[in-house]
Protein backbone atom coordinates (compact mmCIF):
# COMPACT_ATOMS: atom_id res chain seq x y z
CA MET A 1 25.96 124.27 44.77
CA PRO A 2 26.64 126.31 47.94
CA GLU A 3 28.48 129.61 47.83
CA ILE A 4 31.71 130.02 49.78
CA LYS A 5 29.89 132.35 52.20
CA GLU A 6 27.38 129.57 52.97
CA ILE A 7 30.15 127.03 53.51
CA VAL A 8 31.93 129.41 55.91
CA GLU A 9 28.68 129.94 57.85
CA GLU A 10 28.10 126.19 58.07
CA LEU A 11 31.66 125.69 59.27
CA ARG A 12 31.13 128.33 61.98
CA PHE A 13 27.89 126.64 63.02
CA ILE A 14 29.50 123.19 63.22
CA SER A 15 32.54 124.53 65.09
CA ASP A 16 30.26 126.22 67.63
CA LYS A 17 28.24 123.01 68.07
CA LEU A 18 31.38 120.91 68.55
CA SER A 19 32.69 123.34 71.17
CA THR A 20 29.34 123.40 72.96
CA GLN A 21 29.20 119.60 72.94
CA ALA A 22 32.77 119.35 74.26
CA ARG A 23 31.87 121.67 77.15
CA THR A 24 28.63 119.84 77.87
CA VAL A 25 30.24 116.40 77.85
CA ALA A 26 33.18 117.52 80.01
CA ILE A 27 30.87 119.11 82.59
CA GLY A 28 28.52 116.11 82.49
CA LEU A 29 31.40 113.71 83.01
CA LEU A 30 32.62 115.83 85.93
CA ALA A 31 29.14 115.54 87.46
CA ILE A 32 29.14 111.75 87.00
CA ILE A 33 32.60 111.46 88.58
CA TRP A 34 31.51 113.65 91.50
CA ALA A 35 28.39 111.51 91.98
CA ILE A 36 30.54 108.37 92.08
CA LEU A 37 33.00 109.91 94.53
CA VAL A 38 30.37 111.18 96.99
CA GLY A 39 27.66 108.59 96.37
CA GLU A 40 26.04 106.93 99.35
CA SER A 41 24.95 103.65 97.79
CA ALA A 42 27.02 100.53 98.37
CA PHE A 43 27.67 100.23 94.64
CA LEU A 44 28.98 103.80 94.32
CA ARG A 45 31.10 103.48 97.48
CA LYS A 46 32.66 100.28 96.14
CA LEU A 47 33.25 101.90 92.75
CA SER A 48 34.75 104.98 94.36
CA GLU A 49 37.06 102.96 96.61
CA GLY A 50 38.39 100.98 93.68
CA LEU A 51 38.74 103.90 91.28
CA GLY A 52 39.20 106.95 93.53
CA LYS A 53 42.56 108.22 92.28
CA SER A 54 41.84 107.21 88.70
CA LEU A 55 38.54 109.10 88.84
CA LEU A 56 40.43 112.17 90.01
CA VAL A 57 42.67 111.84 86.95
CA ALA A 58 39.56 111.69 84.74
CA ALA A 59 38.16 114.75 86.53
CA ALA A 60 41.44 116.61 86.00
CA LEU A 61 41.28 115.74 82.29
CA CYS A 62 37.73 117.15 82.14
CA ILE A 63 38.94 120.35 83.73
CA LEU A 64 41.81 120.48 81.23
CA VAL A 65 39.29 120.21 78.38
CA LEU A 66 37.41 123.20 79.83
CA ILE A 67 40.63 125.20 80.26
CA VAL A 68 41.68 124.54 76.67
CA ASP A 69 38.17 125.54 75.53
CA SER A 70 38.38 128.84 77.42
CA LEU A 71 41.90 129.48 76.16
CA GLN A 72 40.74 128.89 72.59
CA TYR A 73 38.07 131.57 73.00
CA VAL A 74 40.46 134.04 74.64
CA ILE A 75 42.94 133.58 71.79
CA SER A 76 40.09 133.93 69.27
CA TYR A 77 38.94 137.17 70.90
CA ILE A 78 42.45 138.64 70.82
CA PHE A 79 42.91 137.57 67.19
CA VAL A 80 39.60 139.03 65.99
CA LYS A 81 40.15 142.22 68.02
CA ARG A 82 43.60 142.71 66.45
CA THR A 83 42.24 142.04 62.97
CA LEU A 84 39.49 144.62 63.53
CA ALA A 85 41.94 147.20 64.90
CA ALA A 86 44.27 146.74 61.93
CA ALA A 87 41.39 147.13 59.47
CA GLU A 88 40.07 150.24 61.23
CA GLU A 89 43.56 151.74 61.33
CA LYS A 90 43.79 151.37 57.55
CA GLY A 91 40.22 152.63 57.05
CA LEU A 92 39.11 149.35 55.48
CA GLU A 93 35.48 148.28 55.28
CA LYS A 94 36.45 144.67 54.53
CA THR A 95 39.44 142.58 55.52
CA ASP A 96 40.57 138.99 55.65
CA TYR A 97 41.94 136.97 58.52
CA ASP A 98 45.60 136.13 58.17
CA PRO A 99 45.80 132.32 58.13
CA ASN A 100 49.58 132.58 58.64
CA SER A 101 49.17 134.46 61.91
CA LEU A 102 50.37 132.66 65.02
CA LEU A 103 47.09 133.49 66.80
CA TYR A 104 45.06 132.06 63.90
CA LYS A 105 47.04 128.82 64.00
CA LEU A 106 46.89 128.67 67.79
CA ARG A 107 43.12 129.12 67.73
CA ALA A 108 42.70 126.22 65.30
CA GLY A 109 45.22 124.09 67.18
CA LEU A 110 43.44 124.60 70.50
CA PHE A 111 40.13 123.62 68.90
CA TRP A 112 41.58 120.28 67.80
CA ILE A 113 43.46 119.74 71.07
CA LYS A 114 40.17 120.23 72.93
CA GLN A 115 38.41 117.64 70.77
CA PHE A 116 41.29 115.17 71.13
CA LEU A 117 41.49 115.63 74.92
CA LEU A 118 37.77 115.06 75.25
CA ILE A 119 37.94 111.80 73.29
CA VAL A 120 40.93 110.62 75.35
CA THR A 121 39.11 111.55 78.57
CA LEU A 122 35.96 109.68 77.57
CA LEU A 123 37.92 106.59 76.52
CA TYR A 124 39.89 106.69 79.77
CA PHE A 125 36.70 106.97 81.84
CA LEU A 126 35.01 104.15 79.92
CA ALA A 127 38.08 101.97 80.32
CA LEU A 128 38.02 102.62 84.08
CA LEU A 129 34.38 101.62 84.29
CA SER A 130 34.90 98.57 82.11
CA HIS A 131 37.87 97.42 84.19
CA SER A 132 35.92 97.98 87.40
CA VAL A 133 32.92 96.00 86.16
CA HIS A 134 35.09 93.09 85.04
CA SER A 135 37.09 92.97 88.28
């Protein structure tokens, strides 16, 4: 049976992996969209002509995922820094995070918004491709 400390470490590990994957997929999808938009082959030119504006929407969604990811880390930094400052001010060696803090809730909310936006972006992109192939 794992100790709470082990569960917290595993949760941190998984959260980091999910964030890394979200970044990687968003950047990869941006690269694919760029390749379609500037591609020289007849197939890519035809795809780009039919989906140009829609691909720009997908690219904008990818950028939004990356912005939300960065914002999550900025909020996390501020939250942890404030927690550390409060503990040092009180001379504490140990302290807990305040789960009722607005920053704590915002950090968690941004994590889930990022995951949701990425899924929506991928589904939108796949729907574009599917529609284009069937047209």
